């Protein structure tokens, strides 16, 4: 059993839920993040409140989503690892990730349980969705948190020159730091960056995004292979 399996699920849940549940952002002014060098109140012509409000409007109208993605994982002193795949979401906590080589993996949530299947290990890790809600980041992005209550938000002082609108989120109680890269035309999340407390970084880039598709329930069901080992972290 790999100790990292559960944390991998949590990271994926955070990223996927940004689409699946929509960002339940408060429509009033968001508290700027307090930092040693406070970012300016505006980046370009957009204020922090405008970015948050536009993002809220976009995801209020998003019921489902399908996209292709690339994933890059890096750690202090370690080598970068990359994968590509496809992902589907539907409101209600449903998601399906299909990762390709070099490490094939399928992650499915039916709204109650998250299943992480790795064929090379012949192993399925099962984690209740409720367990993934123990961090404010996951709770918020699953639609069960609140940006104003749980996070300090900021427009990064020196965002990448990639043409996207960037929004940084810092949990008020401490925890993983997030940065979203938003398409300025439609406010789709096209980049998602998560930095944990020891410096590990997960970055996802989404493309070919399609929203409000009719996605069947069967897409979000997972049947455990009959000969696979089942791991339930915390119940061993």
C-alpha atoms as a PDB file:
ATOM      1  CA  UNK A   1       0.000   0.000   0.000  1.00  0.00           C
ATOM      2  CA  UNK A   2       1.267   3.452  -0.851  1.00  0.00           C
ATOM      3  CA  UNK A   3       0.913   6.192   1.757  1.00  0.00           C
ATOM      4  CA  UNK A   4       0.703   8.790  -0.984  1.00  0.00           C
ATOM      5  CA  UNK A   5      -2.436   7.375  -2.580  1.00  0.00           C
ATOM      6  CA  UNK A   6      -4.877   9.175  -0.281  1.00  0.00           C
ATOM      7  CA  UNK A   7      -3.131  12.515  -0.698  1.00  0.00           C
ATOM      8  CA  UNK A   8      -3.192  12.095  -4.474  1.00  0.00           C
ATOM      9  CA  UNK A   9      -6.945  11.648  -4.299  1.00  0.00           C
ATOM     10  CA  UNK A  10      -7.301  14.782  -2.185  1.00  0.00           C
ATOM     11  CA  UNK A  11      -5.316  16.849  -4.673  1.00  0.00           C
ATOM     12  CA  UNK A  12      -7.377  15.556  -7.564  1.00  0.00           C
ATOM     13  CA  UNK A  13     -10.599  16.214  -5.690  1.00  0.00           C
ATOM     14  CA  UNK A  14      -9.623  19.813  -5.113  1.00  0.00           C
ATOM     15  CA  UNK A  15      -8.851  20.419  -8.753  1.00  0.00           C
ATOM     16  CA  UNK A  16     -11.848  18.604 -10.122  1.00  0.00           C
ATOM     17  CA  UNK A  17     -14.327  20.185  -7.767  1.00  0.00           C
ATOM     18  CA  UNK A  18     -13.470  23.625  -9.047  1.00  0.00           C
ATOM     19  CA  UNK A  19     -15.464  22.617 -12.102  1.00  0.00           C
ATOM     20  CA  UNK A  20     -17.857  20.064 -10.668  1.00  0.00           C
ATOM     21  CA  UNK A  21     -19.448  22.214  -8.015  1.00  0.00           C
ATOM     22  CA  UNK A  22     -18.669  25.687  -9.291  1.00  0.00           C
ATOM     23  CA  UNK A  23     -17.031  28.274  -7.110  1.00  0.00           C
ATOM     24  CA  UNK A  24     -19.494  29.294  -4.400  1.00  0.00           C
ATOM     25  CA  UNK A  25     -17.910  32.721  -4.065  1.00  0.00           C
ATOM     26  CA  UNK A  26     -19.570  35.400  -1.967  1.00  0.00           C
ATOM     27  CA  UNK A  27     -20.803  38.189  -4.207  1.00  0.00           C
ATOM     28  CA  UNK A  28     -19.765  40.917  -1.777  1.00  0.00           C
ATOM     29  CA  UNK A  29     -16.250  42.258  -1.416  1.00  0.00           C
ATOM     30  CA  UNK A  30     -13.606  39.630  -0.663  1.00  0.00           C
ATOM     31  CA  UNK A  31     -11.051  40.296   2.061  1.00  0.00           C
ATOM     32  CA  UNK A  32      -7.629  40.818   0.455  1.00  0.00           C
ATOM     33  CA  UNK A  33      -4.837  38.566   1.645  1.00  0.00           C
ATOM     34  CA  UNK A  34      -2.516  40.174   4.158  1.00  0.00           C
ATOM     35  CA  UNK A  35       1.092  39.741   3.082  1.00  0.00           C
ATOM     36  CA  UNK A  36       4.391  41.420   3.830  1.00  0.00           C
ATOM     37  CA  UNK A  37       4.176  43.192   0.466  1.00  0.00           C
ATOM     38  CA  UNK A  38       0.469  43.777  -0.136  1.00  0.00           C
ATOM     39  CA  UNK A  39      -0.480  43.250  -3.828  1.00  0.00           C
ATOM     40  CA  UNK A  40      -1.947  46.290  -5.546  1.00  0.00           C
ATOM     41  CA  UNK A  41      -5.754  46.485  -5.466  1.00  0.00           C
ATOM     42  CA  UNK A  42      -6.000  46.044  -9.239  1.00  0.00           C
ATOM     43  CA  UNK A  43      -4.208  44.076 -11.917  1.00  0.00           C
ATOM     44  CA  UNK A  44      -4.702  45.729 -15.270  1.00  0.00           C
ATOM     45  CA  UNK A  45      -8.244  47.105 -15.340  1.00  0.00           C
ATOM     46  CA  UNK A  46      -9.856  44.526 -13.032  1.00  0.00           C
ATOM     47  CA  UNK A  47     -10.276  44.813  -9.286  1.00  0.00           C
ATOM     48  CA  UNK A  48     -10.306  41.831  -6.945  1.00  0.00           C
ATOM     49  CA  UNK A  49     -14.061  42.171  -6.456  1.00  0.00           C
ATOM     50  CA  UNK A  50     -14.656  42.210 -10.215  1.00  0.00           C
ATOM     51  CA  UNK A  51     -12.638  39.017 -10.726  1.00  0.00           C
ATOM     52  CA  UNK A  52     -14.499  37.217  -7.950  1.00  0.00           C
ATOM     53  CA  UNK A  53     -17.912  38.383  -9.174  1.00  0.00           C
ATOM     54  CA  UNK A  54     -17.254  37.319 -12.773  1.00  0.00           C
ATOM     55  CA  UNK A  55     -16.008  33.930 -11.636  1.00  0.00           C
ATOM     56  CA  UNK A  56     -19.128  33.495  -9.497  1.00  0.00           C
ATOM     57  CA  UNK A  57     -21.393  34.313 -12.433  1.00  0.00           C
ATOM     58  CA  UNK A  58     -19.639  31.842 -14.724  1.00  0.00           C
ATOM     59  CA  UNK A  59     -19.807  28.875 -12.397  1.00  0.00           C
ATOM     60  CA  UNK A  60     -23.321  29.525 -11.223  1.00  0.00           C
ATOM     61  CA  UNK A  61     -24.251  28.653 -14.803  1.00  0.00           C
ATOM     62  CA  UNK A  62     -21.989  25.584 -15.143  1.00  0.00           C
ATOM     63  CA  UNK A  63     -23.723  22.264 -14.460  1.00  0.00           C
ATOM     64  CA  UNK A  64     -21.207  19.887 -16.061  1.00  0.00           C
ATOM     65  CA  UNK A  65     -17.863  19.932 -17.820  1.00  0.00           C
ATOM     66  CA  UNK A  66     -15.537  17.795 -19.939  1.00  0.00           C
ATOM     67  CA  UNK A  67     -11.929  18.664 -20.812  1.00  0.00           C
ATOM     68  CA  UNK A  68      -8.491  17.349 -21.656  1.00  0.00           C
ATOM     69  CA  UNK A  69      -5.670  18.165 -19.262  1.00  0.00           C
ATOM     70  CA  UNK A  70      -1.968  17.974 -18.582  1.00  0.00           C
ATOM     71  CA  UNK A  71      -0.606  17.511 -15.079  1.00  0.00           C
ATOM     72  CA  UNK A  72       2.810  18.470 -13.728  1.00  0.00           C
ATOM     73  CA  UNK A  73       3.978  17.377 -10.275  1.00  0.00           C
ATOM     74  CA  UNK A  74       7.112  18.748  -8.653  1.00  0.00           C
ATOM     75  CA  UNK A  75       8.704  18.622  -5.223  1.00  0.00           C
ATOM     76  CA  UNK A  76      11.679  20.368  -3.602  1.00  0.00           C
ATOM     77  CA  UNK A  77      14.813  18.666  -4.875  1.00  0.00           C
ATOM     78  CA  UNK A  78      12.812  16.161  -6.926  1.00  0.00           C
ATOM     79  CA  UNK A  79      12.239  15.569 -10.622  1.00  0.00           C
ATOM     80  CA  UNK A  80       9.145  16.912 -12.363  1.00  0.00           C
ATOM     81  CA  UNK A  81       6.606  14.327 -13.439  1.00  0.00           C
ATOM     82  CA  UNK A  82       4.001  14.875 -16.141  1.00  0.00           C
ATOM     83  CA  UNK A  83       0.882  13.104 -17.372  1.00  0.00           C
ATOM     84  CA  UNK A  84      -2.050  13.850 -19.648  1.00  0.00           C
ATOM     85  CA  UNK A  85      -5.627  12.664 -19.742  1.00  0.00           C
ATOM     86  CA  UNK A  86      -9.301  13.552 -19.793  1.00  0.00           C
ATOM     87  CA  UNK A  87     -11.672  14.631 -17.070  1.00  0.00           C
ATOM     88  CA  UNK A  88     -15.452  14.920 -16.691  1.00  0.00           C
ATOM     89  CA  UNK A  89     -17.478  16.582 -13.916  1.00  0.00           C
ATOM     90  CA  UNK A  90     -21.093  16.991 -12.958  1.00  0.00           C
ATOM     91  CA  UNK A  91     -22.544  18.969 -10.095  1.00  0.00           C
ATOM     92  CA  UNK A  92     -23.179  16.873  -7.035  1.00  0.00           C
ATOM     93  CA  UNK A  93     -19.524  15.910  -6.504  1.00  0.00           C
ATOM     94  CA  UNK A  94     -19.287  13.582  -9.512  1.00  0.00           C
ATOM     95  CA  UNK A  95     -16.049  13.321 -11.456  1.00  0.00           C
ATOM     96  CA  UNK A  96     -13.983  10.984 -13.586  1.00  0.00           C
ATOM     97  CA  UNK A  97     -10.257  11.360 -14.296  1.00  0.00           C
ATOM     98  CA  UNK A  98      -8.512   9.129 -16.832  1.00  0.00           C
ATOM     99  CA  UNK A  99      -4.707   9.453 -16.647  1.00  0.00           C
ATOM    100  CA  UNK A 100      -2.466   8.075 -19.392  1.00  0.00           C
ATOM    101  CA  UNK A 101       1.167   6.977 -19.453  1.00  0.00           C
ATOM    102  CA  UNK A 102       3.607   6.894 -17.798  1.00  0.00           C
ATOM    103  CA  UNK A 103       1.346   5.986 -14.841  1.00  0.00           C
ATOM    104  CA  UNK A 104      -2.124   4.866 -15.909  1.00  0.00           C
ATOM    105  CA  UNK A 105      -4.747   5.688 -13.312  1.00  0.00           C
ATOM    106  CA  UNK A 106      -8.522   6.136 -13.041  1.00  0.00           C
ATOM    107  CA  UNK A 107     -10.138   8.286 -10.354  1.00  0.00           C
ATOM    108  CA  UNK A 108     -13.935   8.293 -10.052  1.00  0.00           C
ATOM    109  CA  UNK A 109     -16.313   9.952  -7.596  1.00  0.00           C
ATOM    110  CA  UNK A 110     -20.006   9.055  -7.512  1.00  0.00           C
ATOM    111  CA  UNK A 111     -20.737  11.847  -5.031  1.00  0.00           C
ATOM    112  CA  UNK A 112     -20.329   9.572  -2.003  1.00  0.00           C
ATOM    113  CA  UNK A 113     -17.029   7.727  -2.493  1.00  0.00           C
ATOM    114  CA  UNK A 114     -13.826   8.493  -4.389  1.00  0.00           C
ATOM    115  CA  UNK A 115     -12.161   5.484  -6.056  1.00  0.00           C
ATOM    116  CA  UNK A 116      -8.513   5.617  -7.153  1.00  0.00           C
ATOM    117  CA  UNK A 117      -7.547   2.633  -9.328  1.00  0.00           C
ATOM    118  CA  UNK A 118      -3.992   1.938 -10.502  1.00  0.00           C
ATOM    119  CA  UNK A 119      -3.824  -1.115 -12.784  1.00  0.00           C
ATOM    120  CA  UNK A 120      -0.077  -1.630 -12.328  1.00  0.00           C
ATOM    121  CA  UNK A 121      -0.633  -2.097  -8.580  1.00  0.00           C
ATOM    122  CA  UNK A 122      -3.973  -3.878  -9.070  1.00  0.00           C
ATOM    123  CA  UNK A 123      -5.183  -1.702  -6.213  1.00  0.00           C
ATOM    124  CA  UNK A 124      -8.205   0.483  -5.505  1.00  0.00           C
ATOM    125  CA  UNK A 125      -8.054   3.148  -2.807  1.00  0.00           C
ATOM    126  CA  UNK A 126     -11.520   4.094  -1.505  1.00  0.00           C
ATOM    127  CA  UNK A 127     -12.046   7.373   0.361  1.00  0.00           C
ATOM    128  CA  UNK A 128     -15.435   8.803   1.422  1.00  0.00           C
ATOM    129  CA  UNK A 129     -16.091  12.215  -0.100  1.00  0.00           C
ATOM    130  CA  UNK A 130     -16.819  13.436   3.435  1.00  0.00           C
ATOM    131  CA  UNK A 131     -13.223  12.639   4.410  1.00  0.00           C
ATOM    132  CA  UNK A 132     -11.942  14.848   1.598  1.00  0.00           C
ATOM    133  CA  UNK A 133     -13.843  17.768   3.157  1.00  0.00           C
ATOM    134  CA  UNK A 134     -11.529  18.027   6.144  1.00  0.00           C
ATOM    135  CA  UNK A 135      -9.547  20.841   4.523  1.00  0.00           C
ATOM    136  CA  UNK A 136     -11.130  24.227   3.854  1.00  0.00           C
ATOM    137  CA  UNK A 137      -9.743  24.187   0.297  1.00  0.00           C
ATOM    138  CA  UNK A 138     -11.530  20.964  -0.609  1.00  0.00           C
ATOM    139  CA  UNK A 139     -14.714  21.960   1.206  1.00  0.00           C
ATOM    140  CA  UNK A 140     -14.889  25.255  -0.630  1.00  0.00           C
ATOM    141  CA  UNK A 141     -14.182  23.826  -4.058  1.00  0.00           C
ATOM    142  CA  UNK A 142     -16.730  21.064  -3.523  1.00  0.00           C
ATOM    143  CA  UNK A 143     -19.289  23.811  -2.971  1.00  0.00           C
ATOM    144  CA  UNK A 144     -19.569  23.265   0.787  1.00  0.00           C
ATOM    145  CA  UNK A 145     -17.341  26.134   1.891  1.00  0.00           C
ATOM    146  CA  UNK A 146     -17.343  29.887   1.469  1.00  0.00           C
ATOM    147  CA  UNK A 147     -14.597  32.059   0.021  1.00  0.00           C
ATOM    148  CA  UNK A 148     -15.145  35.077   2.259  1.00  0.00           C
ATOM    149  CA  UNK A 149     -15.364  32.945   5.405  1.00  0.00           C
ATOM    150  CA  UNK A 150     -12.612  30.399   4.685  1.00  0.00           C
ATOM    151  CA  UNK A 151     -10.056  32.205   2.496  1.00  0.00           C
ATOM    152  CA  UNK A 152      -8.096  35.337   1.947  1.00  0.00           C
ATOM    153  CA  UNK A 153      -8.116  36.151  -1.767  1.00  0.00           C
ATOM    154  CA  UNK A 154      -5.684  38.271  -3.734  1.00  0.00           C
ATOM    155  CA  UNK A 155      -4.673  39.211  -7.234  1.00  0.00           C
ATOM    156  CA  UNK A 156      -1.018  38.097  -7.445  1.00  0.00           C
ATOM    157  CA  UNK A 157       1.430  41.007  -7.436  1.00  0.00           C
ATOM    158  CA  UNK A 158       3.495  39.477 -10.266  1.00  0.00           C
ATOM    159  CA  UNK A 159       1.297  37.042 -12.232  1.00  0.00           C
ATOM    160  CA  UNK A 160       2.649  35.039 -15.186  1.00  0.00           C
ATOM    161  CA  UNK A 161       2.519  36.821 -18.536  1.00  0.00           C
ATOM    162  CA  UNK A 162       0.196  34.204 -20.039  1.00  0.00           C
ATOM    163  CA  UNK A 163      -2.839  36.354 -20.844  1.00  0.00           C
ATOM    164  CA  UNK A 164      -4.928  34.807 -18.055  1.00  0.00           C
ATOM    165  CA  UNK A 165      -6.596  36.409 -15.048  1.00  0.00           C
ATOM    166  CA  UNK A 166      -4.978  35.013 -11.889  1.00  0.00           C
ATOM    167  CA  UNK A 167      -6.571  34.652  -8.463  1.00  0.00           C
ATOM    168  CA  UNK A 168      -4.686  33.445  -5.372  1.00  0.00           C
ATOM    169  CA  UNK A 169      -6.492  31.782  -2.465  1.00  0.00           C
ATOM    170  CA  UNK A 170      -4.990  31.295   0.997  1.00  0.00           C
ATOM    171  CA  UNK A 171      -6.942  29.352   3.667  1.00  0.00           C
ATOM    172  CA  UNK A 172      -7.462  31.502   6.760  1.00  0.00           C
ATOM    173  CA  UNK A 173      -6.774  28.515   8.991  1.00  0.00           C
ATOM    174  CA  UNK A 174      -3.571  27.616   7.143  1.00  0.00           C
ATOM    175  CA  UNK A 175      -3.045  24.923   4.566  1.00  0.00           C
ATOM    176  CA  UNK A 176      -2.450  24.431   0.857  1.00  0.00           C
ATOM    177  CA  UNK A 177      -2.149  27.551  -1.285  1.00  0.00           C
ATOM    178  CA  UNK A 178      -4.062  27.729  -4.568  1.00  0.00           C
ATOM    179  CA  UNK A 179      -3.808  29.846  -7.690  1.00  0.00           C
ATOM    180  CA  UNK A 180      -6.368  29.836 -10.491  1.00  0.00           C
ATOM    181  CA  UNK A 181      -5.677  30.956 -14.066  1.00  0.00           C
ATOM    182  CA  UNK A 182      -8.895  32.151 -15.705  1.00  0.00           C
ATOM    183  CA  UNK A 183      -9.696  32.637 -19.374  1.00  0.00           C
ATOM    184  CA  UNK A 184     -10.506  36.381 -19.566  1.00  0.00           C
ATOM    185  CA  UNK A 185     -13.119  35.770 -22.264  1.00  0.00           C
ATOM    186  CA  UNK A 186     -15.340  33.320 -20.393  1.00  0.00           C
ATOM    187  CA  UNK A 187     -13.727  32.797 -16.940  1.00  0.00           C
ATOM    188  CA  UNK A 188     -13.194  29.084 -17.426  1.00  0.00           C
ATOM    189  CA  UNK A 189     -10.449  27.786 -15.131  1.00  0.00           C
ATOM    190  CA  UNK A 190      -7.687  26.799 -17.539  1.00  0.00           C
ATOM    191  CA  UNK A 191      -4.835  26.597 -15.010  1.00  0.00           C
ATOM    192  CA  UNK A 192      -4.934  25.312 -11.445  1.00  0.00           C
ATOM    193  CA  UNK A 193      -1.905  25.344  -9.150  1.00  0.00           C
ATOM    194  CA  UNK A 194      -1.791  23.838  -5.667  1.00  0.00           C
ATOM    195  CA  UNK A 195       1.216  24.277  -3.367  1.00  0.00           C
ATOM    196  CA  UNK A 196       1.214  22.268  -0.145  1.00  0.00           C
ATOM    197  CA  UNK A 197       2.905  23.188   3.126  1.00  0.00           C
ATOM    198  CA  UNK A 198       6.146  21.341   2.343  1.00  0.00           C
ATOM    199  CA  UNK A 199       6.531  22.848  -1.130  1.00  0.00           C
ATOM    200  CA  UNK A 200       5.071  20.107  -3.342  1.00  0.00           C
ATOM    201  CA  UNK A 201       3.347  21.629  -6.364  1.00  0.00           C
ATOM    202  CA  UNK A 202       0.573  20.183  -8.519  1.00  0.00           C
ATOM    203  CA  UNK A 203      -0.263  22.150 -11.652  1.00  0.00           C
ATOM    204  CA  UNK A 204      -3.093  21.294 -14.034  1.00  0.00           C
ATOM    205  CA  UNK A 205      -3.741  22.892 -17.428  1.00  0.00           C
ATOM    206  CA  UNK A 206      -7.107  22.343 -19.098  1.00  0.00           C
ATOM    207  CA  UNK A 207      -7.996  22.598 -22.793  1.00  0.00           C
ATOM    208  CA  UNK A 208     -10.902  21.732 -25.116  1.00  0.00           C
ATOM    209  CA  UNK A 209     -13.314  22.649 -22.327  1.00  0.00           C
ATOM    210  CA  UNK A 210     -16.978  21.839 -22.981  1.00  0.00           C
ATOM    211  CA  UNK A 211     -19.636  22.848 -20.476  1.00  0.00           C
ATOM    212  CA  UNK A 212     -23.232  21.878 -19.707  1.00  0.00           C
ATOM    213  CA  UNK A 213     -23.096  18.528 -21.485  1.00  0.00           C
ATOM    214  CA  UNK A 214     -25.572  15.740 -20.776  1.00  0.00           C
ATOM    215  CA  UNK A 215     -23.254  13.389 -18.865  1.00  0.00           C
ATOM    216  CA  UNK A 216     -24.791  10.033 -17.930  1.00  0.00           C
ATOM    217  CA  UNK A 217     -24.770   8.610 -14.393  1.00  0.00           C
ATOM    218  CA  UNK A 218     -22.875   5.554 -15.652  1.00  0.00           C
ATOM    219  CA  UNK A 219     -19.826   7.711 -16.356  1.00  0.00           C
ATOM    220  CA  UNK A 220     -19.455   8.313 -12.619  1.00  0.00           C
ATOM    221  CA  UNK A 221     -19.842   4.724 -11.444  1.00  0.00           C
ATOM    222  CA  UNK A 222     -16.859   2.528 -10.703  1.00  0.00           C
ATOM    223  CA  UNK A 223     -16.849  -1.264 -10.475  1.00  0.00           C
ATOM    224  CA  UNK A 224     -13.915  -2.618  -8.486  1.00  0.00           C
ATOM    225  CA  UNK A 225     -12.120  -5.332 -10.487  1.00  0.00           C
ATOM    226  CA  UNK A 226     -12.832  -8.697  -8.778  1.00  0.00           C
ATOM    227  CA  UNK A 227      -9.166  -9.512  -8.101  1.00  0.00           C
ATOM    228  CA  UNK A 228      -8.051  -6.010  -7.031  1.00  0.00           C
ATOM    229  CA  UNK A 229      -6.846  -5.155  -3.532  1.00  0.00           C
ATOM    230  CA  UNK A 230      -9.066  -2.596  -1.773  1.00  0.00           C
ATOM    231  CA  UNK A 231      -7.394  -0.038   0.497  1.00  0.00           C
ATOM    232  CA  UNK A 232      -9.445   2.170   2.818  1.00  0.00           C
ATOM    233  CA  UNK A 233      -7.075   4.628   4.549  1.00  0.00           C
ATOM    234  CA  UNK A 234      -7.804   5.050   8.245  1.00  0.00           C
ATOM    235  CA  UNK A 235      -9.597   1.723   8.456  1.00  0.00           C
ATOM    236  CA  UNK A 236      -6.577  -0.554   8.440  1.00  0.00           C
END
